[in-house]
Amino acid sequence: MEANPWLAVTNGQTLRFFFEHLRDVSESDDAPESEVLYNASVLAHFASTSTASLEFPGTPTSLCAVFDLFVMDRSQHADPGIMEAAASQCLLLTGFFGPQFTGRYNVDWYASLGAGFYGQAATHETDRARAAMMRTMAARFPFWRRQHSRLARELRDMPRMLRRAG
């Protein structure tokens, strides 16, 4: 049996996929390329990381996991990397997967947490450029959450990319 070559993708291909699709759905004038690239990297990371991965940050399974890891345990809130991970998980779950969680969680509250986590990451970050991106993500969290949600809808509505053999 011959393996389908489209089933194996590189991290670069995954990043390119999300960058191109996110750029297409983003509100044109309000989406600087650096922000599109950052958001595409967040989506690409979680798309290529298993929920069972030991790599940090792993892909979260639910907003409850985010609560347990980052709200109940505040011991790492001065670490900008931890705060960015918390924020990106909130962005993924309240944006891309927001509709799936709306009935079970207060998604808007988790979104406000995510913006706050980006703000904390900016406060503790020593790299100026990275701190600026974290501040931008904190301020524009609602915008990027809408773009992630829009991308998820578009991808769900796309025709299947893989076709059955034979």
Protein backbone atom coordinates (compact mmCIF):
# COMPACT_ATOMS: atom_id res chain seq x y z
CA MET A 1 0.00 0.00 0.00
CA GLU A 2 1.40 3.40 -0.99
CA ALA A 3 1.31 6.17 1.62
CA ASN A 4 -0.38 9.41 0.67
CA PRO A 5 2.37 12.10 0.57
CA TRP A 6 -0.07 14.79 1.75
CA LEU A 7 -0.42 13.22 5.16
CA ALA A 8 3.09 14.17 6.28
CA VAL A 9 3.70 17.88 6.63
CA THR A 10 6.62 19.88 7.92
CA ASN A 11 6.43 22.63 10.51
CA GLY A 12 7.16 25.11 7.72
CA GLN A 13 4.26 23.83 5.64
CA THR A 14 1.95 24.04 8.64
CA LEU A 15 3.04 27.61 9.35
CA ARG A 16 2.61 28.59 5.69
CA PHE A 17 -0.87 27.01 5.62
CA PHE A 18 -2.06 29.00 8.62
CA PHE A 19 -0.32 32.20 7.51
CA GLU A 20 -1.93 32.16 4.08
CA HIS A 21 -5.39 31.26 5.34
CA LEU A 22 -5.27 33.66 8.29
CA ARG A 23 -4.11 36.47 6.00
CA ASP A 24 -7.02 35.70 3.65
CA VAL A 25 -9.67 35.90 6.37
CA SER A 26 -8.20 38.79 8.36
CA GLU A 27 -9.77 42.20 8.09
CA SER A 28 -7.31 43.61 5.55
CA ASP A 29 -6.19 46.97 6.92
CA ASP A 30 -6.23 45.87 10.55
CA ALA A 31 -3.83 42.95 10.21
CA PRO A 32 -0.13 43.85 10.03
CA GLU A 33 1.96 41.03 8.60
CA SER A 34 3.96 40.62 11.82
CA GLU A 35 0.75 39.98 13.76
CA VAL A 36 -0.56 37.59 11.13
CA LEU A 37 2.74 35.69 11.29
CA TYR A 38 2.66 35.54 15.10
CA ASN A 39 -0.93 34.26 15.11
CA ALA A 40 -0.16 31.75 12.36
CA SER A 41 2.75 30.47 14.44
CA VAL A 42 0.43 29.99 17.43
CA LEU A 43 -2.02 27.99 15.32
CA ALA A 44 0.77 26.02 13.61
CA HIS A 45 2.34 25.15 16.96
CA PHE A 46 -0.87 23.76 18.39
CA ALA A 47 -1.79 22.01 15.14
CA SER A 48 1.49 20.13 15.18
CA THR A 49 1.69 19.42 18.92
CA SER A 50 -0.20 16.56 20.51
CA THR A 51 -2.32 17.04 23.60
CA ALA A 52 -0.23 14.25 25.09
CA SER A 53 3.08 15.89 24.17
CA LEU A 54 5.67 16.56 26.82
CA GLU A 55 6.73 19.64 24.84
CA PHE A 56 5.70 22.90 26.48
CA PRO A 57 3.28 24.37 25.78
CA GLY A 58 1.31 21.32 24.81
CA THR A 59 -1.99 21.64 23.06
CA PRO A 60 -4.68 22.21 25.71
CA THR A 61 -7.68 19.92 25.78
CA SER A 62 -10.09 22.37 27.38
CA LEU A 63 -10.44 25.69 29.12
CA CYS A 64 -10.57 23.74 32.38
CA ALA A 65 -6.96 22.66 31.75
CA VAL A 66 -5.99 26.31 31.22
CA PHE A 67 -7.72 27.23 34.48
CA ASP A 68 -5.94 24.48 36.43
CA LEU A 69 -2.50 25.24 34.96
CA PHE A 70 -2.47 29.02 34.86
CA VAL A 71 -5.18 30.41 37.15
CA MET A 72 -5.08 28.10 40.15
CA ASP A 73 -1.26 28.02 40.15
CA ARG A 74 0.03 31.59 40.08
CA SER A 75 3.63 30.64 40.94
CA GLN A 76 4.88 31.20 37.39
CA HIS A 77 3.07 34.46 36.59
CA ALA A 78 6.36 36.40 36.51
CA ASP A 79 7.70 34.16 33.72
CA PRO A 80 6.96 35.78 30.34
CA GLY A 81 7.19 32.46 28.48
CA ILE A 82 4.64 30.83 30.78
CA MET A 83 2.31 33.83 30.47
CA GLU A 84 2.61 33.82 26.68
CA ALA A 85 1.81 30.09 26.66
CA ALA A 86 -1.26 30.71 28.83
CA ALA A 87 -2.39 33.56 26.58
CA SER A 88 -1.90 31.59 23.38
CA GLN A 89 -3.90 28.68 24.78
CA CYS A 90 -6.71 31.06 25.69
CA LEU A 91 -6.56 32.54 22.19
CA LEU A 92 -6.72 29.11 20.55
CA LEU A 93 -9.58 27.85 22.71
CA THR A 94 -11.70 31.03 22.78
CA GLY A 95 -11.04 31.92 19.14
CA PHE A 96 -10.49 28.93 16.90
CA PHE A 97 -12.51 26.56 19.11
CA GLY A 98 -14.72 29.16 20.81
CA PRO A 99 -18.08 27.89 19.50
CA GLN A 100 -17.38 24.40 20.86
CA PHE A 101 -16.79 25.76 24.37
CA THR A 102 -19.52 28.41 24.54
CA GLY A 103 -22.11 26.16 26.16
CA ARG A 104 -19.74 24.82 28.82
CA TYR A 105 -17.58 27.80 29.76
CA ASN A 106 -17.73 31.56 30.07
CA VAL A 107 -15.62 32.01 26.92
CA ASP A 108 -15.55 35.81 27.23
CA TRP A 109 -14.07 35.54 30.72
CA TYR A 110 -11.34 33.21 29.44
CA ALA A 111 -10.69 35.65 26.59
CA SER A 112 -10.18 38.44 29.13
CA LEU A 113 -7.77 36.15 30.98
CA GLY A 114 -5.88 35.56 27.74
CA ALA A 115 -5.50 39.29 27.09
CA GLY A 116 -4.31 39.71 30.68
CA PHE A 117 -1.79 36.90 30.30
CA TYR A 118 -0.34 38.63 27.21
CA GLY A 119 -0.16 41.83 29.25
CA GLN A 120 1.73 40.05 32.03
CA ALA A 121 4.08 38.50 29.47
CA ALA A 122 4.82 42.00 28.15
CA THR A 123 5.46 43.34 31.65
CA HIS A 124 8.07 40.68 32.46
CA GLU A 125 9.66 40.31 29.00
CA THR A 126 13.19 41.68 28.68
CA ASP A 127 13.36 41.62 24.87
CA ARG A 128 11.82 44.92 23.69
CA ALA A 129 10.49 43.60 20.38
CA ARG A 130 8.90 40.58 22.05
CA ALA A 131 7.42 42.76 24.80
CA ALA A 132 5.95 45.03 22.12
CA MET A 133 4.32 42.03 20.39
CA MET A 134 2.90 40.82 23.73
CA ARG A 135 1.45 44.31 24.40
CA THR A 136 -0.04 44.34 20.92
CA MET A 137 -1.58 40.91 21.41
CA ALA A 138 -3.02 41.99 24.76
CA ALA A 139 -4.60 45.08 23.22
CA ARG A 140 -5.81 43.31 20.08
CA PHE A 141 -6.87 40.03 21.67
CA PRO A 142 -10.56 40.48 20.70
CA PHE A 143 -9.59 41.25 17.09
CA TRP A 144 -7.38 38.16 16.78
CA ARG A 145 -9.94 36.03 18.53
CA ARG A 146 -12.45 37.00 15.82
CA GLN A 147 -9.93 36.21 13.11
CA HIS A 148 -9.21 32.76 14.58
CA SER A 149 -12.93 32.09 14.76
CA ARG A 150 -13.42 33.28 11.18
CA LEU A 151 -10.58 31.03 10.02
CA ALA A 152 -12.08 28.02 11.80
CA ARG A 153 -15.43 28.63 10.07
CA GLU A 154 -13.77 28.98 6.69
CA LEU A 155 -11.76 25.80 7.12
CA ARG A 156 -14.86 23.87 8.22
CA ASP A 157 -16.71 25.09 5.14
CA MET A 158 -13.90 24.22 2.71
CA PRO A 159 -14.32 21.12 0.56
CA ARG A 160 -12.37 18.19 1.88
CA MET A 161 -8.76 18.42 0.81
CA LEU A 162 -8.06 14.69 0.85
CA ARG A 163 -9.87 12.49 -1.60
CA ARG A 164 -10.48 8.80 -1.32
CA ALA A 165 -8.18 6.68 -3.44
CA GLY A 166 -9.62 4.63 -6.23
